Amino acid sequence: MFISPKIKVIGEYQKEDFYCPLCSFPYLTNDDLDKAETFECCHECYLQFAESRKEAWKSGWRPKKSVVNSYISIRRKLYNSKKEKKHGT
């Protein structure tokens, strides 16, 4: 059996963005997608920045870029340490 790797889109096509606009991490879970629909960010960014400021967030408030960059750095370190523990290095 042969399956063609080409995809043909018929009709309207809406480009979906699968990355958080705040931290640039990909959406991985249903929680990420739910928060993206409501708050335009991933679940982790929602917990970190939006949850305690829901009204301000909906009014357009966003954290400073320096705060987000610091947060991204911490997330990467946590991710790498989990990956190292999993592989035993």
N, C-alpha and C. Protein backbone atom coordinates (compact mmCIF):
# COMPACT_ATOMS: atom_id res chain seq x y z
N MET A 1 0.84 -1.17 0.00
CA MET A 1 0.00 0.00 0.00
C MET A 1 0.89 1.24 0.00
N PHE A 2 0.54 2.21 -0.83
CA PHE A 2 1.30 3.44 -0.94
C PHE A 2 0.45 4.62 -0.47
N ILE A 3 1.02 5.44 0.40
CA ILE A 3 0.34 6.63 0.86
C ILE A 3 1.15 7.84 0.42
N SER A 4 0.52 8.74 -0.28
CA SER A 4 1.20 9.93 -0.77
C SER A 4 1.47 10.90 0.38
N PRO A 5 2.70 11.40 0.50
CA PRO A 5 3.01 12.35 1.57
C PRO A 5 2.51 13.76 1.29
N LYS A 6 1.95 13.99 0.10
CA LYS A 6 1.46 15.32 -0.25
C LYS A 6 0.07 15.52 0.34
N ILE A 7 -0.17 16.73 0.83
CA ILE A 7 -1.46 17.08 1.40
C ILE A 7 -2.10 18.13 0.51
N LYS A 8 -3.33 17.89 0.15
CA LYS A 8 -4.07 18.83 -0.69
C LYS A 8 -5.19 19.42 0.15
N VAL A 9 -5.21 20.75 0.28
CA VAL A 9 -6.23 21.43 1.06
C VAL A 9 -7.33 21.90 0.12
N ILE A 10 -8.55 21.50 0.43
CA ILE A 10 -9.69 21.87 -0.39
C ILE A 10 -10.57 22.81 0.43
N GLY A 11 -10.96 23.92 -0.15
CA GLY A 11 -11.81 24.86 0.57
C GLY A 11 -10.99 25.87 1.35
N GLU A 12 -11.63 26.47 2.34
CA GLU A 12 -10.97 27.50 3.14
C GLU A 12 -9.93 26.87 4.05
N TYR A 13 -8.86 27.60 4.25
CA TYR A 13 -7.79 27.13 5.11
C TYR A 13 -7.44 28.24 6.09
N GLN A 14 -7.49 27.92 7.35
CA GLN A 14 -7.13 28.88 8.38
C GLN A 14 -5.83 28.42 9.03
N LYS A 15 -4.83 29.25 8.94
CA LYS A 15 -3.54 28.90 9.52
C LYS A 15 -3.65 28.90 11.04
N GLU A 16 -3.24 27.82 11.65
CA GLU A 16 -3.23 27.72 13.11
C GLU A 16 -1.81 27.95 13.60
N ASP A 17 -1.70 28.64 14.71
CA ASP A 17 -0.40 28.85 15.31
C ASP A 17 -0.32 27.96 16.54
N PHE A 18 0.64 27.08 16.58
CA PHE A 18 0.76 26.11 17.66
C PHE A 18 1.87 26.47 18.65
N TYR A 19 2.23 27.75 18.69
CA TYR A 19 3.25 28.22 19.61
C TYR A 19 2.69 29.38 20.43
N CYS A 20 3.05 29.40 21.69
CA CYS A 20 2.61 30.48 22.58
C CYS A 20 3.25 31.79 22.12
N PRO A 21 2.46 32.83 21.92
CA PRO A 21 3.03 34.11 21.48
C PRO A 21 3.87 34.79 22.56
N LEU A 22 3.72 34.36 23.80
CA LEU A 22 4.46 34.97 24.89
C LEU A 22 5.83 34.32 25.09
N CYS A 23 5.84 32.99 25.22
CA CYS A 23 7.09 32.28 25.53
C CYS A 23 7.68 31.52 24.33
N SER A 24 6.91 31.37 23.27
CA SER A 24 7.32 30.67 22.04
C SER A 24 7.47 29.16 22.20
N PHE A 25 7.03 28.59 23.32
CA PHE A 25 7.02 27.14 23.47
C PHE A 25 5.81 26.59 22.71
N PRO A 26 5.89 25.37 22.20
CA PRO A 26 4.75 24.81 21.47
C PRO A 26 3.63 24.42 22.44
N TYR A 27 2.41 24.47 21.93
CA TYR A 27 1.27 23.96 22.68
C TYR A 27 1.34 22.44 22.65
N LEU A 28 1.33 21.81 23.81
CA LEU A 28 1.49 20.36 23.89
C LEU A 28 0.27 19.64 24.46
N THR A 29 -0.53 20.32 25.25
CA THR A 29 -1.63 19.66 25.94
C THR A 29 -2.96 20.33 25.60
N ASN A 30 -4.03 19.67 26.00
CA ASN A 30 -5.36 20.27 25.84
C ASN A 30 -5.47 21.53 26.68
N ASP A 31 -4.83 21.54 27.85
CA ASP A 31 -4.83 22.74 28.68
C ASP A 31 -4.20 23.91 27.94
N ASP A 32 -3.11 23.64 27.22
CA ASP A 32 -2.47 24.70 26.42
C ASP A 32 -3.45 25.25 25.39
N LEU A 33 -4.12 24.37 24.69
CA LEU A 33 -5.05 24.80 23.64
C LEU A 33 -6.25 25.54 24.21
N ASP A 34 -6.75 25.10 25.37
CA ASP A 34 -7.86 25.79 26.02
C ASP A 34 -7.46 27.21 26.42
N LYS A 35 -6.29 27.34 27.03
CA LYS A 35 -5.83 28.66 27.47
C LYS A 35 -5.50 29.55 26.26
N ALA A 36 -5.00 28.94 25.20
CA ALA A 36 -4.70 29.72 24.00
C ALA A 36 -5.97 30.32 23.42
N GLU A 37 -7.05 29.56 23.45
CA GLU A 37 -8.32 30.05 22.92
C GLU A 37 -8.87 31.20 23.75
N THR A 38 -8.73 31.10 25.07
CA THR A 38 -9.31 32.09 25.97
C THR A 38 -8.36 33.25 26.28
N PHE A 39 -7.09 32.93 26.54
CA PHE A 39 -6.13 33.94 27.01
C PHE A 39 -4.98 34.20 26.05
N GLU A 40 -4.95 33.52 24.92
CA GLU A 40 -3.91 33.70 23.90
C GLU A 40 -2.50 33.46 24.45
N CYS A 41 -2.38 32.40 25.26
CA CYS A 41 -1.07 31.98 25.76
C CYS A 41 -1.18 30.52 26.18
N CYS A 42 -0.04 29.88 26.43
CA CYS A 42 -0.05 28.49 26.88
C CYS A 42 -0.48 28.40 28.34
N HIS A 43 -0.73 27.20 28.80
CA HIS A 43 -1.18 26.98 30.17
C HIS A 43 -0.14 27.46 31.19
N GLU A 44 1.14 27.21 30.92
CA GLU A 44 2.19 27.64 31.84
C GLU A 44 2.24 29.17 31.95
N CYS A 45 2.13 29.87 30.84
CA CYS A 45 2.13 31.34 30.89
C CYS A 45 0.86 31.85 31.56
N TYR A 46 -0.24 31.16 31.34
CA TYR A 46 -1.48 31.52 32.02
C TYR A 46 -1.27 31.45 33.54
N LEU A 47 -0.71 30.33 34.01
CA LEU A 47 -0.49 30.18 35.46
C LEU A 47 0.49 31.22 35.99
N GLN A 48 1.53 31.49 35.24
CA GLN A 48 2.57 32.40 35.68
C GLN A 48 2.14 33.86 35.63
N PHE A 49 1.44 34.26 34.58
CA PHE A 49 1.18 35.68 34.35
C PHE A 49 -0.30 36.08 34.37
N ALA A 50 -1.16 35.28 33.80
CA ALA A 50 -2.54 35.72 33.56
C ALA A 50 -3.52 35.37 34.66
N GLU A 51 -3.33 34.26 35.32
CA GLU A 51 -4.34 33.79 36.27
C GLU A 51 -4.65 34.81 37.36
N SER A 52 -3.65 35.42 37.93
CA SER A 52 -3.87 36.38 39.01
C SER A 52 -4.25 37.77 38.50
N ARG A 53 -4.20 37.96 37.19
CA ARG A 53 -4.50 39.27 36.59
C ARG A 53 -5.50 39.13 35.45
N LYS A 54 -6.52 38.32 35.62
CA LYS A 54 -7.43 38.01 34.53
C LYS A 54 -8.04 39.25 33.88
N GLU A 55 -8.53 40.17 34.69
CA GLU A 55 -9.16 41.37 34.13
C GLU A 55 -8.15 42.25 33.40
N ALA A 56 -6.99 42.46 34.01
CA ALA A 56 -5.95 43.25 33.36
C ALA A 56 -5.47 42.56 32.08
N TRP A 57 -5.36 41.23 32.13
CA TRP A 57 -4.92 40.46 30.95
C TRP A 57 -5.90 40.64 29.80
N LYS A 58 -7.18 40.51 30.12
CA LYS A 58 -8.22 40.66 29.08
C LYS A 58 -8.27 42.09 28.54
N SER A 59 -7.78 43.05 29.34
CA SER A 59 -7.73 44.44 28.90
C SER A 59 -6.46 44.76 28.13
N GLY A 60 -5.58 43.77 27.99
CA GLY A 60 -4.38 43.97 27.17
C GLY A 60 -3.06 43.99 27.90
N TRP A 61 -3.07 43.89 29.24
CA TRP A 61 -1.81 43.90 29.98
C TRP A 61 -0.98 42.67 29.63
N ARG A 62 0.31 42.87 29.47
CA ARG A 62 1.26 41.77 29.28
C ARG A 62 2.51 42.08 30.08
N PRO A 63 3.23 41.06 30.54
CA PRO A 63 4.45 41.30 31.31
C PRO A 63 5.54 41.92 30.43
N LYS A 64 6.48 42.60 31.08
CA LYS A 64 7.60 43.19 30.37
C LYS A 64 8.42 42.09 29.71
N LYS A 65 9.05 42.42 28.61
CA LYS A 65 9.85 41.46 27.85
C LYS A 65 10.97 40.88 28.71
N SER A 66 11.58 41.69 29.57
CA SER A 66 12.66 41.19 30.43
C SER A 66 12.15 40.13 31.41
N VAL A 67 10.92 40.29 31.90
CA VAL A 67 10.33 39.32 32.81
C VAL A 67 10.05 38.01 32.06
N VAL A 68 9.53 38.14 30.85
CA VAL A 68 9.24 36.95 30.03
C VAL A 68 10.54 36.22 29.69
N ASN A 69 11.58 36.96 29.32
CA ASN A 69 12.86 36.33 28.99
C ASN A 69 13.44 35.57 30.18
N SER A 70 13.32 36.14 31.36
CA SER A 70 13.79 35.47 32.57
C SER A 70 12.99 34.20 32.81
N TYR A 71 11.69 34.27 32.63
CA TYR A 71 10.80 33.12 32.78
C TYR A 71 11.15 32.01 31.78
N ILE A 72 11.40 32.38 30.54
CA ILE A 72 11.77 31.41 29.49
C ILE A 72 13.08 30.71 29.87
N SER A 73 14.04 31.47 30.38
CA SER A 73 15.31 30.89 30.80
C SER A 73 15.10 29.84 31.90
N ILE A 74 14.26 30.15 32.86
CA ILE A 74 13.97 29.20 33.94
C ILE A 74 13.28 27.96 33.39
N ARG A 75 12.31 28.14 32.50
CA ARG A 75 11.61 26.98 31.91
C ARG A 75 12.57 26.08 31.15
N ARG A 76 13.49 26.67 30.42
CA ARG A 76 14.46 25.87 29.67
C ARG A 76 15.36 25.07 30.61
N LYS A 77 15.80 25.70 31.68
CA LYS A 77 16.64 25.01 32.66
C LYS A 77 15.89 23.85 33.30
N LEU A 78 14.64 24.07 33.64
CA LEU A 78 13.81 23.00 34.23
C LEU A 78 13.62 21.86 33.23
N TYR A 79 13.35 22.20 31.99
CA TYR A 79 13.16 21.19 30.95
C TYR A 79 14.44 20.38 30.76
N ASN A 80 15.58 21.05 30.70
CA ASN A 80 16.85 20.35 30.49
C ASN A 80 17.21 19.47 31.68
N SER A 81 16.91 19.92 32.90
CA SER A 81 17.23 19.09 34.06
C SER A 81 16.34 17.85 34.10
N LYS A 82 15.08 17.98 33.69
CA LYS A 82 14.18 16.81 33.62
C LYS A 82 14.67 15.83 32.56
N LYS A 83 15.12 16.37 31.44
CA LYS A 83 15.61 15.54 30.35
C LYS A 83 16.87 14.78 30.78
N GLU A 84 17.76 15.45 31.50
CA GLU A 84 18.99 14.82 31.96
C GLU A 84 18.69 13.71 32.97
N LYS A 85 17.75 13.95 33.87
CA LYS A 85 17.37 12.93 34.85
C LYS A 85 16.76 11.71 34.17
N LYS A 86 15.97 11.96 33.15
CA LYS A 86 15.31 10.87 32.42
C LYS A 86 16.34 9.99 31.72
N HIS A 87 17.39 10.60 31.18
CA HIS A 87 18.41 9.86 30.43
C HIS A 87 19.58 9.44 31.31
N GLY A 88 19.55 9.82 32.60
CA GLY A 88 20.58 9.40 33.53
C GLY A 88 21.93 10.03 33.32
N THR A 89 21.97 11.24 32.79
CA THR A 89 23.26 11.91 32.59
C THR A 89 23.46 13.01 33.59
